[in-house]
Structures are given as C-alpha cells and as structure tokens.
Amino acid sequence: MKSFTYERANTAAEAVAAVAAMPGAKFIAGGTNLLDLMKLGIEAPVHLVDINRLGLDAIEPTEAGGLRIGAMVRNTDLAADARVRRDYAVLSRALLAGASGQLRNKATTGGNLLQRTRCAYFYNTDMPCNKRSPGSGCAAVGGLSHNHAVMGVSDACIATHPSDMAVALRALDATVEVISAKGSMRMIPIADFHRLPGDTPHLETNLQANEMVTAVILPRPVGGTHIYRKVRERASYAFANIAVAMIVREGKAARLALGGVAHKPWRVEAAEDAPAEGIADIVLAGARPTADNAYKLDLTRRTIAACLGDAS
C-alpha cells in the first residue's frame, strides 16, 4: 500500500471541498472495498477524506410517503429497520444475502452502491483490464468467464456489478441524492446511476467529478410479495451467479431486477406483468454469453420461475 494523507470531515460540504482540492483524493466510509483495493495496488489515493462524522446515518420518512436513507446507514441497520422489513422487504432480504455479518456492520449504503467489480482479472494487476487500466484490453474476454456478464456487455468489458442492495433498489425505483463540490444537490434515478461498459468501463457511474452520495430515496411502498433469491456457489459470503429481486402481484412479476448478469443492476420493464412463460425471453433478449457462462441463461429462467413459485 502506498502512503497517503488523511483527514476527517465534519460536514458534507467540507468533505466534497476537501476531495476537490486535492487531485487523487477519495472519500472513505466503511472502507470494506476501498481498503482491499488499496492493499492490492488497484486504488492508490493520495489523500483520504473520512465521512463517518457527517451525520448521514438516519433513516427518515419523506413527505411523499417513502424513506430517505442516509449514505452512512450501515447495511445491518438498514436490513433490520422495521419500516424497511415491512414495506421494502426485497431490500432487507437483498442486504442480508450480501457479504457477512461482520462486513454488513461496517458497509454503508453509499459505499455499497459504489463498490467495484469482483472480476478476478480486475483484481490481478498482472493482467490487462480496461476497467483498471483503460485501453489495456480485457483478459476476461477469451479467458475464464464463469461468473461474468451475459447482458449489456461490450468488447471492452464483461464484468458484473457485485451489489445485492443495488438490485433491490433498482426494482424499487430508488433515487440517489448527491452533493457537488460547489454545494449543489442533484437527484439521480437509480436506473441512470450505474453505467454499462461500452468503450469506457472504467467509468462505472454517472457521478460527476468530486460528487458524493448523501442519501438514497425510496418512493412510496410497492405492495405485493417481495422476494430476493440469490443463487451462488456457497451459502454465504459469495457473490451472485444469478440474483432476482421480484415483487409479485396477482401472480405476475410487477417489478423485476436481476444481479449477476450485467455491469449494472439489470431491469427490463417490458418483462414486468408479462405472462410467466414469456418473462425470461424478454429479459434475456440480446444476451451475449461466453462458453463459460452460458449456463446463466437457463439459470435465469429457473430462478425467475422459482421466485414466481415462492409467491404462489
């Protein structure tokens, strides 16, 4: 790990100003992803701005009937909140499917949204990776791609986004609140927050330079049966081969988002409220699997069917 300087910010405005003032600076909250990347030499910030004291750790009702979740709310606390468990159960279940209890105690809402891919080639600095080193190539293309993306891929990157929480937020139509270095606030629909790789896989979100996530806003609750089913290679502390966030009403998938299949949470609204036998065909239209991960197509079909079965 390379040397760096460190400071604690006391306000959101102070934090974004500190990062903007020093090129190469980064925010740090729980650090569950960033510190690992620093140890491996993938991230090398020259300055860290600690945002744990900003007071962004509350879950509050909104005037519109939803919830405002501060960026510093820990995953454990969000999953356990009575309002989330009652009205946004798909989110609580997604959070509990992620990582381990120890990591959920540290990981934050904002950090969960911003975590980087777990592609083995991204983590191996001896291998080319357009996400880590733009223009160097993608070792996963033509390499071992067992758990890589099958949807929304490009010739430059076939990595998946690792978050379970973000998949549930996509199904719930959440909005991400951010603050800029100038102190202005803006709202980004979760559908527009993460990017597909295209020719610029190193650009993972639509955050502008030095912007910081301050909260996630949930709209009014969506009624129905909330399901989060994660298929993985061991029972815990593993990333999804396939994950399905589904809200079922009257036997149909009224909301449907997938994890483990794309560079961002994958939702195809045209599949929602479609007949059960046609949902997977709509979701998987345009899929580009590799020989290693073509199994994900059938696994997606079976997992969607299992979620509908769970709700019946």
C-alpha atoms as a PDB file:
ATOM      1  CA  MET A   1       0.000   0.000   0.000  1.00  0.00           C
ATOM      2  CA  LYS A   2       1.343   3.428  -0.940  1.00  0.00           C
ATOM      3  CA  SER A   3       1.478   6.233   1.607  1.00  0.00           C
ATOM      4  CA  PHE A   4      -1.407   8.703   1.797  1.00  0.00           C
ATOM      5  CA  THR A   5      -2.670  11.530   3.979  1.00  0.00           C
ATOM      6  CA  TYR A   6      -5.923  11.510   5.901  1.00  0.00           C
ATOM      7  CA  GLU A   7      -8.475  13.911   7.353  1.00  0.00           C
ATOM      8  CA  ARG A   8     -11.893  13.749   8.967  1.00  0.00           C
ATOM      9  CA  ALA A   9     -14.632  15.949   7.544  1.00  0.00           C
ATOM     10  CA  ASN A  10     -17.383  17.364   9.740  1.00  0.00           C
ATOM     11  CA  THR A  11     -19.897  18.383   7.067  1.00  0.00           C
ATOM     12  CA  ALA A  12     -20.797  17.164   3.602  1.00  0.00           C
ATOM     13  CA  ALA A  13     -19.749  20.490   2.098  1.00  0.00           C
ATOM     14  CA  GLU A  14     -16.391  20.238   3.855  1.00  0.00           C
ATOM     15  CA  ALA A  15     -15.886  16.686   2.597  1.00  0.00           C
ATOM     16  CA  VAL A  16     -16.549  17.407  -1.088  1.00  0.00           C
ATOM     17  CA  ALA A  17     -14.436  20.573  -0.924  1.00  0.00           C
ATOM     18  CA  ALA A  18     -11.520  18.605   0.563  1.00  0.00           C
ATOM     19  CA  VAL A  19     -11.650  15.975  -2.193  1.00  0.00           C
ATOM     20  CA  ALA A  20     -11.989  18.622  -4.892  1.00  0.00           C
ATOM     21  CA  ALA A  21      -8.972  20.489  -3.541  1.00  0.00           C
ATOM     22  CA  MET A  22      -6.564  17.578  -3.925  1.00  0.00           C
ATOM     23  CA  PRO A  23      -6.374  15.565  -7.176  1.00  0.00           C
ATOM     24  CA  GLY A  24      -6.268  11.876  -6.368  1.00  0.00           C
ATOM     25  CA  ALA A  25      -8.232  12.208  -3.122  1.00  0.00           C
ATOM     26  CA  LYS A  26     -11.087   9.847  -2.266  1.00  0.00           C
ATOM     27  CA  PHE A  27     -13.870   9.581   0.284  1.00  0.00           C
ATOM     28  CA  ILE A  28     -13.703   6.727   2.777  1.00  0.00           C
ATOM     29  CA  ALA A  29     -16.628   5.438   4.822  1.00  0.00           C
ATOM     30  CA  GLY A  30     -16.744   1.780   5.898  1.00  0.00           C
ATOM     31  CA  GLY A  31     -13.740   1.000   3.698  1.00  0.00           C
ATOM     32  CA  THR A  32     -14.816  -2.598   3.098  1.00  0.00           C
ATOM     33  CA  ASN A  33     -13.970  -2.363  -0.620  1.00  0.00           C
ATOM     34  CA  LEU A  34     -11.591   0.589  -0.901  1.00  0.00           C
ATOM     35  CA  LEU A  35      -9.061  -0.677   1.632  1.00  0.00           C
ATOM     36  CA  ASP A  36      -8.806  -4.040  -0.132  1.00  0.00           C
ATOM     37  CA  LEU A  37      -8.209  -2.286  -3.442  1.00  0.00           C
ATOM     38  CA  MET A  38      -5.534  -0.088  -1.869  1.00  0.00           C
ATOM     39  CA  LYS A  39      -3.716  -3.095  -0.449  1.00  0.00           C
ATOM     40  CA  LEU A  40      -3.627  -4.683  -3.905  1.00  0.00           C
ATOM     41  CA  GLY A  41      -2.402  -1.516  -5.599  1.00  0.00           C
ATOM     42  CA  ILE A  42      -5.573  -1.161  -7.682  1.00  0.00           C
ATOM     43  CA  GLU A  43      -6.543   2.067  -5.942  1.00  0.00           C
ATOM     44  CA  ALA A  44      -3.831   4.484  -4.807  1.00  0.00           C
ATOM     45  CA  PRO A  45      -5.468   7.632  -3.387  1.00  0.00           C
ATOM     46  CA  VAL A  46      -3.043  10.288  -2.232  1.00  0.00           C
ATOM     47  CA  HIS A  47      -5.490  11.574   0.381  1.00  0.00           C
ATOM     48  CA  LEU A  48      -8.475  10.038   2.183  1.00  0.00           C
ATOM     49  CA  VAL A  49     -11.379  12.108   3.478  1.00  0.00           C
ATOM     50  CA  ASP A  50     -13.245  10.273   6.247  1.00  0.00           C
ATOM     51  CA  ILE A  51     -17.004  10.940   6.025  1.00  0.00           C
ATOM     52  CA  ASN A  52     -18.126   8.930   9.057  1.00  0.00           C
ATOM     53  CA  ARG A  53     -18.905  12.076  11.098  1.00  0.00           C
ATOM     54  CA  LEU A  54     -21.251  13.758   8.646  1.00  0.00           C
ATOM     55  CA  GLY A  55     -24.485  12.690  10.320  1.00  0.00           C
ATOM     56  CA  LEU A  56     -25.702  10.863   7.221  1.00  0.00           C
ATOM     57  CA  ASP A  57     -26.765   7.827   9.233  1.00  0.00           C
ATOM     58  CA  ALA A  58     -30.518   8.319   9.632  1.00  0.00           C
ATOM     59  CA  ILE A  59     -33.498   6.586   8.031  1.00  0.00           C
ATOM     60  CA  GLU A  60     -36.296   9.131   7.821  1.00  0.00           C
ATOM     61  CA  PRO A  61     -39.787   9.275   6.285  1.00  0.00           C
ATOM     62  CA  THR A  62     -40.278  11.579   3.312  1.00  0.00           C
ATOM     63  CA  GLU A  63     -43.230  13.865   2.607  1.00  0.00           C
ATOM     64  CA  ALA A  64     -44.023  11.693  -0.407  1.00  0.00           C
ATOM     65  CA  GLY A  65     -44.556   8.636   1.802  1.00  0.00           C
ATOM     66  CA  GLY A  66     -41.213   6.931   1.204  1.00  0.00           C
ATOM     67  CA  LEU A  67     -37.941   6.769   3.091  1.00  0.00           C
ATOM     68  CA  ARG A  68     -34.720   8.767   2.948  1.00  0.00           C
ATOM     69  CA  ILE A  69     -31.745   6.522   3.757  1.00  0.00           C
ATOM     70  CA  GLY A  70     -28.570   8.378   4.668  1.00  0.00           C
ATOM     71  CA  ALA A  71     -25.441   7.351   2.790  1.00  0.00           C
ATOM     72  CA  MET A  72     -23.748   6.331   6.057  1.00  0.00           C
ATOM     73  CA  VAL A  73     -26.513   3.976   7.233  1.00  0.00           C
ATOM     74  CA  ARG A  74     -24.843   0.611   7.803  1.00  0.00           C
ATOM     75  CA  ASN A  75     -26.154  -2.374   5.876  1.00  0.00           C
ATOM     76  CA  THR A  76     -27.001  -4.206   9.105  1.00  0.00           C
ATOM     77  CA  ASP A  77     -29.097  -1.309  10.408  1.00  0.00           C
ATOM     78  CA  LEU A  78     -30.896  -0.825   7.104  1.00  0.00           C
ATOM     79  CA  ALA A  79     -31.794  -4.502   6.808  1.00  0.00           C
ATOM     80  CA  ALA A  80     -33.099  -4.544  10.403  1.00  0.00           C
ATOM     81  CA  ASP A  81     -35.171  -1.348  10.236  1.00  0.00           C
ATOM     82  CA  ALA A  82     -38.815  -2.185  10.932  1.00  0.00           C
ATOM     83  CA  ARG A  83     -40.112   0.070   8.135  1.00  0.00           C
ATOM     84  CA  VAL A  84     -37.768  -1.490   5.594  1.00  0.00           C
ATOM     85  CA  ARG A  85     -38.649  -5.011   6.667  1.00  0.00           C
ATOM     86  CA  ARG A  86     -42.376  -4.237   6.464  1.00  0.00           C
ATOM     87  CA  ASP A  87     -42.642  -2.040   3.364  1.00  0.00           C
ATOM     88  CA  TYR A  88     -39.467  -2.762   1.376  1.00  0.00           C
ATOM     89  CA  ALA A  89     -38.812  -6.385   2.251  1.00  0.00           C
ATOM     90  CA  VAL A  90     -36.993  -7.054  -1.027  1.00  0.00           C
ATOM     91  CA  LEU A  91     -34.326  -4.573   0.099  1.00  0.00           C
ATOM     92  CA  SER A  92     -33.939  -6.108   3.552  1.00  0.00           C
ATOM     93  CA  ARG A  93     -33.610  -9.581   2.043  1.00  0.00           C
ATOM     94  CA  ALA A  94     -31.084  -8.425  -0.547  1.00  0.00           C
ATOM     95  CA  LEU A  95     -28.911  -6.841   2.130  1.00  0.00           C
ATOM     96  CA  LEU A  96     -28.966  -9.980   4.268  1.00  0.00           C
ATOM     97  CA  ALA A  97     -27.914 -12.026   1.228  1.00  0.00           C
ATOM     98  CA  GLY A  98     -24.756  -9.953   0.839  1.00  0.00           C
ATOM     99  CA  ALA A  99     -21.292 -10.381   2.357  1.00  0.00           C
ATOM    100  CA  SER A 100     -21.090 -11.475   6.005  1.00  0.00           C
ATOM    101  CA  GLY A 101     -22.446 -10.131   9.261  1.00  0.00           C
ATOM    102  CA  GLN A 102     -19.131  -8.508  10.108  1.00  0.00           C
ATOM    103  CA  LEU A 103     -18.935  -6.706   6.764  1.00  0.00           C
ATOM    104  CA  ARG A 104     -22.582  -5.610   6.913  1.00  0.00           C
ATOM    105  CA  ASN A 105     -21.822  -3.986  10.266  1.00  0.00           C
ATOM    106  CA  LYS A 106     -19.267  -1.730   8.549  1.00  0.00           C
ATOM    107  CA  ALA A 107     -20.525  -1.396   4.978  1.00  0.00           C
ATOM    108  CA  THR A 108     -22.589   1.685   4.186  1.00  0.00           C
ATOM    109  CA  THR A 109     -25.469   2.438   1.850  1.00  0.00           C
ATOM    110  CA  GLY A 110     -23.399   4.808  -0.286  1.00  0.00           C
ATOM    111  CA  GLY A 111     -20.392   2.516  -0.353  1.00  0.00           C
ATOM    112  CA  ASN A 112     -22.498  -0.462  -1.354  1.00  0.00           C
ATOM    113  CA  LEU A 113     -23.696   1.418  -4.437  1.00  0.00           C
ATOM    114  CA  LEU A 114     -20.133   2.330  -5.363  1.00  0.00           C
ATOM    115  CA  GLN A 115     -18.356  -0.985  -4.786  1.00  0.00           C
ATOM    116  CA  ARG A 116     -16.290  -2.178  -7.711  1.00  0.00           C
ATOM    117  CA  THR A 117     -16.477  -5.447  -9.645  1.00  0.00           C
ATOM    118  CA  ARG A 118     -15.063  -8.671  -8.230  1.00  0.00           C
ATOM    119  CA  CYS A 119     -13.737  -9.798 -11.619  1.00  0.00           C
ATOM    120  CA  ALA A 120     -10.572 -11.803 -10.946  1.00  0.00           C
ATOM    121  CA  TYR A 121      -8.773 -10.090 -13.829  1.00  0.00           C
ATOM    122  CA  PHE A 122      -9.593  -6.674 -12.387  1.00  0.00           C
ATOM    123  CA  TYR A 123      -8.058  -7.764  -9.088  1.00  0.00           C
ATOM    124  CA  ASN A 124      -4.931  -9.223 -10.742  1.00  0.00           C
ATOM    125  CA  THR A 125      -2.657  -6.321 -11.625  1.00  0.00           C
ATOM    126  CA  ASP A 126      -0.531  -8.597 -13.842  1.00  0.00           C
ATOM    127  CA  MET A 127      -3.451  -8.986 -16.256  1.00  0.00           C
ATOM    128  CA  PRO A 128      -4.849  -6.440 -18.722  1.00  0.00           C
ATOM    129  CA  CYS A 129      -8.103  -4.807 -17.628  1.00  0.00           C
ATOM    130  CA  ASN A 130      -9.797  -1.848 -19.282  1.00  0.00           C
ATOM    131  CA  LYS A 131     -11.593  -1.046 -16.049  1.00  0.00           C
ATOM    132  CA  ARG A 132      -8.357  -0.800 -14.086  1.00  0.00           C
ATOM    133  CA  SER A 133      -6.122   0.469 -16.895  1.00  0.00           C
ATOM    134  CA  PRO A 134      -8.167   1.934 -19.777  1.00  0.00           C
ATOM    135  CA  GLY A 135      -7.031   0.727 -23.176  1.00  0.00           C
ATOM    136  CA  SER A 136      -5.042  -2.249 -21.887  1.00  0.00           C
ATOM    137  CA  GLY A 137      -7.598  -4.849 -23.013  1.00  0.00           C
ATOM    138  CA  CYS A 138      -9.964  -7.253 -21.260  1.00  0.00           C
ATOM    139  CA  ALA A 139      -8.417 -10.534 -20.145  1.00  0.00           C
ATOM    140  CA  ALA A 140     -11.854 -11.929 -19.306  1.00  0.00           C
ATOM    141  CA  VAL A 141     -12.828 -11.856 -22.984  1.00  0.00           C
ATOM    142  CA  GLY A 142     -11.441 -15.174 -24.153  1.00  0.00           C
ATOM    143  CA  GLY A 143     -10.385 -16.015 -20.597  1.00  0.00           C
ATOM    144  CA  LEU A 144     -12.102 -17.700 -17.671  1.00  0.00           C
ATOM    145  CA  SER A 145     -15.536 -16.085 -17.575  1.00  0.00           C
ATOM    146  CA  HIS A 146     -17.619 -18.453 -15.471  1.00  0.00           C
ATOM    147  CA  ASN A 147     -19.246 -15.686 -13.431  1.00  0.00           C
ATOM    148  CA  HIS A 148     -19.106 -12.793 -15.841  1.00  0.00           C
ATOM    149  CA  ALA A 149     -21.880 -10.805 -17.514  1.00  0.00           C
ATOM    150  CA  VAL A 150     -24.207 -12.072 -20.212  1.00  0.00           C
ATOM    151  CA  MET A 151     -26.238  -8.874 -20.722  1.00  0.00           C
ATOM    152  CA  GLY A 152     -25.173  -5.370 -21.712  1.00  0.00           C
ATOM    153  CA  VAL A 153     -21.581  -6.466 -22.336  1.00  0.00           C
ATOM    154  CA  SER A 154     -19.090  -4.895 -24.723  1.00  0.00           C
ATOM    155  CA  ASP A 155     -15.833  -5.954 -26.335  1.00  0.00           C
ATOM    156  CA  ALA A 156     -14.072  -3.818 -23.704  1.00  0.00           C
ATOM    157  CA  CYS A 157     -15.565  -5.410 -20.571  1.00  0.00           C
ATOM    158  CA  ILE A 158     -17.764  -8.295 -19.439  1.00  0.00           C
ATOM    159  CA  ALA A 159     -17.550  -7.694 -15.678  1.00  0.00           C
ATOM    160  CA  THR A 160     -20.594  -7.763 -13.399  1.00  0.00           C
ATOM    161  CA  HIS A 161     -21.649  -5.339 -10.694  1.00  0.00           C
ATOM    162  CA  PRO A 162     -21.411  -7.115  -7.314  1.00  0.00           C
ATOM    163  CA  SER A 163     -24.066  -5.330  -5.206  1.00  0.00           C
ATOM    164  CA  ASP A 164     -27.163  -7.142  -3.965  1.00  0.00           C
ATOM    165  CA  MET A 165     -28.580  -3.955  -2.441  1.00  0.00           C
ATOM    166  CA  ALA A 166     -28.438  -2.111  -5.772  1.00  0.00           C
ATOM    167  CA  VAL A 167     -30.516  -4.819  -7.464  1.00  0.00           C
ATOM    168  CA  ALA A 168     -33.304  -4.356  -4.921  1.00  0.00           C
ATOM    169  CA  LEU A 169     -33.066  -0.571  -5.222  1.00  0.00           C
ATOM    170  CA  ARG A 170     -33.462  -0.894  -8.992  1.00  0.00           C
ATOM    171  CA  ALA A 171     -36.629  -2.932  -8.506  1.00  0.00           C
ATOM    172  CA  LEU A 172     -37.924  -0.274  -6.095  1.00  0.00           C
ATOM    173  CA  ASP A 173     -37.171   2.693  -8.406  1.00  0.00           C
ATOM    174  CA  ALA A 174     -34.964   4.392  -5.842  1.00  0.00           C
ATOM    175  CA  THR A 175     -33.258   7.745  -6.387  1.00  0.00           C
ATOM    176  CA  VAL A 176     -29.698   8.644  -5.387  1.00  0.00           C
ATOM    177  CA  GLU A 177     -29.094  12.053  -3.799  1.00  0.00           C
ATOM    178  CA  VAL A 178     -25.638  13.565  -4.356  1.00  0.00           C
ATOM    179  CA  ILE A 179     -23.810  16.775  -3.458  1.00  0.00           C
ATOM    180  CA  SER A 180     -21.222  18.521  -5.622  1.00  0.00           C
ATOM    181  CA  ALA A 181     -18.052  20.365  -4.649  1.00  0.00           C
ATOM    182  CA  LYS A 182     -19.984  23.624  -5.166  1.00  0.00           C
ATOM    183  CA  GLY A 183     -22.579  22.537  -2.617  1.00  0.00           C
ATOM    184  CA  SER A 184     -25.399  21.941  -5.101  1.00  0.00           C
ATOM    185  CA  MET A 185     -27.596  18.870  -4.739  1.00  0.00           C
ATOM    186  CA  ARG A 186     -28.987  16.715  -7.508  1.00  0.00           C
ATOM    187  CA  MET A 187     -31.063  13.566  -7.746  1.00  0.00           C
ATOM    188  CA  ILE A 188     -30.111  10.629  -9.987  1.00  0.00           C
ATOM    189  CA  PRO A 189     -32.661   7.873 -10.689  1.00  0.00           C
ATOM    190  CA  ILE A 190     -31.110   4.515  -9.806  1.00  0.00           C
ATOM    191  CA  ALA A 191     -31.743   3.436 -13.418  1.00  0.00           C
ATOM    192  CA  ASP A 192     -29.275   6.123 -14.541  1.00  0.00           C
ATOM    193  CA  PHE A 193     -26.775   5.873 -11.702  1.00  0.00           C
ATOM    194  CA  HIS A 194     -24.695   2.904 -12.919  1.00  0.00           C
ATOM    195  CA  ARG A 195     -23.349   2.675 -16.461  1.00  0.00           C
ATOM    196  CA  LEU A 196     -22.935  -0.142 -18.956  1.00  0.00           C
ATOM    197  CA  PRO A 197     -19.296  -0.650 -20.013  1.00  0.00           C
ATOM    198  CA  GLY A 198     -19.358   0.393 -23.651  1.00  0.00           C
ATOM    199  CA  ASP A 199     -15.900   1.692 -24.576  1.00  0.00           C
ATOM    200  CA  THR A 200     -15.346   3.251 -21.128  1.00  0.00           C
ATOM    201  CA  PRO A 201     -15.743   0.510 -18.496  1.00  0.00           C
ATOM    202  CA  HIS A 202     -13.595   2.498 -16.058  1.00  0.00           C
ATOM    203  CA  LEU A 203     -16.494   4.975 -15.801  1.00  0.00           C
ATOM    204  CA  GLU A 204     -18.833   2.962 -13.595  1.00  0.00           C
ATOM    205  CA  THR A 205     -21.395   5.568 -12.536  1.00  0.00           C
ATOM    206  CA  ASN A 206     -22.764   8.884 -13.769  1.00  0.00           C
ATOM    207  CA  LEU A 207     -21.401  10.768 -10.781  1.00  0.00           C
ATOM    208  CA  GLN A 208     -19.563  13.898 -11.810  1.00  0.00           C
ATOM    209  CA  ALA A 209     -16.072  14.703 -10.545  1.00  0.00           C
ATOM    210  CA  ASN A 210     -15.928  15.049  -6.746  1.00  0.00           C
ATOM    211  CA  GLU A 211     -19.645  14.430  -6.209  1.00  0.00           C
ATOM    212  CA  MET A 212     -20.547  12.460  -3.080  1.00  0.00           C
ATOM    213  CA  VAL A 213     -23.601  10.304  -2.400  1.00  0.00           C
ATOM    214  CA  THR A 214     -25.546  11.716   0.558  1.00  0.00           C
ATOM    215  CA  ALA A 215     -28.696   9.561   0.567  1.00  0.00           C
ATOM    216  CA  VAL A 216     -30.896   7.073  -1.232  1.00  0.00           C
ATOM    217  CA  ILE A 217     -34.589   7.959  -1.537  1.00  0.00           C
ATOM    218  CA  LEU A 218     -37.220   5.220  -1.685  1.00  0.00           C
ATOM    219  CA  PRO A 219     -40.626   6.086  -3.170  1.00  0.00           C
ATOM    220  CA  ARG A 220     -43.904   5.008  -1.602  1.00  0.00           C
ATOM    221  CA  PRO A 221     -44.005   1.270  -0.847  1.00  0.00           C
ATOM    222  CA  VAL A 222     -44.905  -1.133  -3.635  1.00  0.00           C
ATOM    223  CA  GLY A 223     -47.469  -3.650  -2.456  1.00  0.00           C
ATOM    224  CA  GLY A 224     -47.191  -7.340  -3.194  1.00  0.00           C
ATOM    225  CA  THR A 225     -44.971 -10.254  -2.228  1.00  0.00           C
ATOM    226  CA  HIS A 226     -41.321  -9.211  -2.049  1.00  0.00           C
ATOM    227  CA  ILE A 227     -38.746 -11.861  -2.995  1.00  0.00           C
ATOM    228  CA  TYR A 228     -34.987 -11.827  -3.290  1.00  0.00           C
ATOM    229  CA  ARG A 229     -33.441 -15.081  -4.469  1.00  0.00           C
ATOM    230  CA  LYS A 230     -29.658 -15.318  -4.808  1.00  0.00           C
ATOM    231  CA  VAL A 231     -28.009 -18.309  -6.455  1.00  0.00           C
ATOM    232  CA  ARG A 232     -24.330 -18.628  -5.524  1.00  0.00           C
ATOM    233  CA  GLU A 233     -21.651 -21.228  -5.175  1.00  0.00           C
ATOM    234  CA  ARG A 234     -21.703 -21.358  -1.381  1.00  0.00           C
ATOM    235  CA  ALA A 235     -24.311 -20.463   1.204  1.00  0.00           C
ATOM    236  CA  SER A 236     -22.783 -17.198   2.398  1.00  0.00           C
ATOM    237  CA  TYR A 237     -20.067 -14.653   1.695  1.00  0.00           C
ATOM    238  CA  ALA A 238     -20.252 -15.229  -2.045  1.00  0.00           C
ATOM    239  CA  PHE A 239     -21.294 -13.087  -4.987  1.00  0.00           C
ATOM    240  CA  ALA A 240     -24.283 -13.994  -7.127  1.00  0.00           C
ATOM    241  CA  ASN A 241     -24.207 -16.273 -10.119  1.00  0.00           C
ATOM    242  CA  ILE A 242     -27.744 -15.002 -10.541  1.00  0.00           C
ATOM    243  CA  ALA A 243     -29.870 -12.860  -8.232  1.00  0.00           C
ATOM    244  CA  VAL A 244     -33.508 -11.946  -8.753  1.00  0.00           C
ATOM    245  CA  ALA A 245     -35.359  -9.145  -6.971  1.00  0.00           C
ATOM    246  CA  MET A 246     -39.074  -9.572  -7.628  1.00  0.00           C
ATOM    247  CA  ILE A 247     -42.305  -8.057  -6.361  1.00  0.00           C
ATOM    248  CA  VAL A 248     -45.252 -10.264  -7.258  1.00  0.00           C
ATOM    249  CA  ARG A 249     -48.854  -9.059  -7.505  1.00  0.00           C
ATOM    250  CA  GLU A 250     -51.745 -11.207  -8.683  1.00  0.00           C
ATOM    251  CA  GLY A 251     -49.365 -13.938  -9.793  1.00  0.00           C
ATOM    252  CA  LYS A 252     -47.297 -11.657 -12.026  1.00  0.00           C
ATOM    253  CA  ALA A 253     -43.867 -10.067 -11.647  1.00  0.00           C
ATOM    254  CA  ALA A 254     -44.890  -6.446 -11.133  1.00  0.00           C
ATOM    255  CA  ARG A 255     -41.244  -5.493 -10.524  1.00  0.00           C
ATOM    256  CA  LEU A 256     -38.210  -7.474 -11.620  1.00  0.00           C
ATOM    257  CA  ALA A 257     -34.471  -6.749 -11.473  1.00  0.00           C
ATOM    258  CA  LEU A 258     -31.505  -9.074 -11.821  1.00  0.00           C
ATOM    259  CA  GLY A 259     -27.988  -9.189 -10.423  1.00  0.00           C
ATOM    260  CA  GLY A 260     -25.009 -11.237 -11.546  1.00  0.00           C
ATOM    261  CA  VAL A 261     -25.821 -10.799 -15.218  1.00  0.00           C
ATOM    262  CA  ALA A 262     -24.587  -7.318 -16.168  1.00  0.00           C
ATOM    263  CA  HIS A 263     -22.278  -4.395 -15.421  1.00  0.00           C
ATOM    264  CA  LYS A 264     -25.206  -2.774 -13.556  1.00  0.00           C
ATOM    265  CA  PRO A 265     -28.433  -3.999 -11.958  1.00  0.00           C
ATOM    266  CA  TRP A 266     -30.444  -5.348 -14.888  1.00  0.00           C
ATOM    267  CA  ARG A 267     -34.098  -4.455 -15.290  1.00  0.00           C
ATOM    268  CA  VAL A 268     -36.257  -4.767 -18.386  1.00  0.00           C
ATOM    269  CA  GLU A 269     -39.589  -3.117 -17.626  1.00  0.00           C
ATOM    270  CA  ALA A 270     -41.177  -4.760 -20.674  1.00  0.00           C
ATOM    271  CA  ALA A 271     -40.939  -8.109 -18.863  1.00  0.00           C
ATOM    272  CA  GLU A 272     -42.967  -6.909 -15.898  1.00  0.00           C
ATOM    273  CA  ASP A 273     -46.589  -8.086 -15.786  1.00  0.00           C
ATOM    274  CA  ALA A 274     -45.851 -10.324 -18.795  1.00  0.00           C
ATOM    275  CA  PRO A 275     -47.143 -13.917 -18.785  1.00  0.00           C
ATOM    276  CA  ALA A 276     -44.870 -16.115 -16.688  1.00  0.00           C
ATOM    277  CA  GLU A 277     -43.741 -18.227 -19.622  1.00  0.00           C
ATOM    278  CA  GLY A 278     -42.539 -15.156 -21.547  1.00  0.00           C
ATOM    279  CA  ILE A 279     -40.691 -13.218 -18.861  1.00  0.00           C
ATOM    280  CA  ALA A 280     -37.268 -14.795 -19.293  1.00  0.00           C
ATOM    281  CA  ASP A 281     -37.340 -14.448 -23.092  1.00  0.00           C
ATOM    282  CA  ILE A 282     -37.903 -10.697 -22.732  1.00  0.00           C
ATOM    283  CA  VAL A 283     -35.274 -10.287 -20.012  1.00  0.00           C
ATOM    284  CA  LEU A 284     -32.632 -12.265 -21.916  1.00  0.00           C
ATOM    285  CA  ALA A 285     -33.204 -10.781 -25.365  1.00  0.00           C
ATOM    286  CA  GLY A 286     -29.844  -9.787 -26.808  1.00  0.00           C
ATOM    287  CA  ALA A 287     -27.800 -11.901 -24.381  1.00  0.00           C
ATOM    288  CA  ARG A 288     -24.120 -12.410 -25.293  1.00  0.00           C
ATOM    289  CA  PRO A 289     -22.861 -15.268 -23.132  1.00  0.00           C
ATOM    290  CA  THR A 290     -19.452 -16.879 -23.361  1.00  0.00           C
ATOM    291  CA  ALA A 291     -18.894 -20.614 -23.484  1.00  0.00           C
ATOM    292  CA  ASP A 292     -18.121 -20.483 -19.740  1.00  0.00           C
ATOM    293  CA  ASN A 293     -21.190 -18.592 -18.585  1.00  0.00           C
ATOM    294  CA  ALA A 294     -23.936 -19.682 -20.994  1.00  0.00           C
ATOM    295  CA  TYR A 295     -25.358 -21.665 -18.053  1.00  0.00           C
ATOM    296  CA  LYS A 296     -26.596 -18.319 -16.687  1.00  0.00           C
ATOM    297  CA  LEU A 297     -29.320 -18.168 -19.328  1.00  0.00           C
ATOM    298  CA  ASP A 298     -31.008 -21.331 -18.124  1.00  0.00           C
ATOM    299  CA  LEU A 299     -30.275 -20.437 -14.511  1.00  0.00           C
ATOM    300  CA  THR A 300     -32.029 -17.099 -15.002  1.00  0.00           C
ATOM    301  CA  ARG A 301     -35.090 -18.846 -16.381  1.00  0.00           C
ATOM    302  CA  ARG A 302     -35.228 -21.301 -13.498  1.00  0.00           C
ATOM    303  CA  THR A 303     -34.643 -18.645 -10.845  1.00  0.00           C
ATOM    304  CA  ILE A 304     -37.408 -16.400 -12.199  1.00  0.00           C
ATOM    305  CA  ALA A 305     -39.747 -19.395 -12.215  1.00  0.00           C
ATOM    306  CA  ALA A 306     -38.714 -20.276  -8.645  1.00  0.00           C
ATOM    307  CA  CYS A 307     -39.467 -16.732  -7.464  1.00  0.00           C
ATOM    308  CA  LEU A 308     -42.936 -16.874  -9.003  1.00  0.00           C
ATOM    309  CA  GLY A 309     -43.408 -20.239  -7.338  1.00  0.00           C
ATOM    310  CA  ASP A 310     -42.358 -18.821  -3.981  1.00  0.00           C
ATOM    311  CA  ALA A 311     -45.093 -16.190  -4.255  1.00  0.00           C
ATOM    312  CA  SER A 312     -47.881 -18.563  -5.204  1.00  0.00           C
END
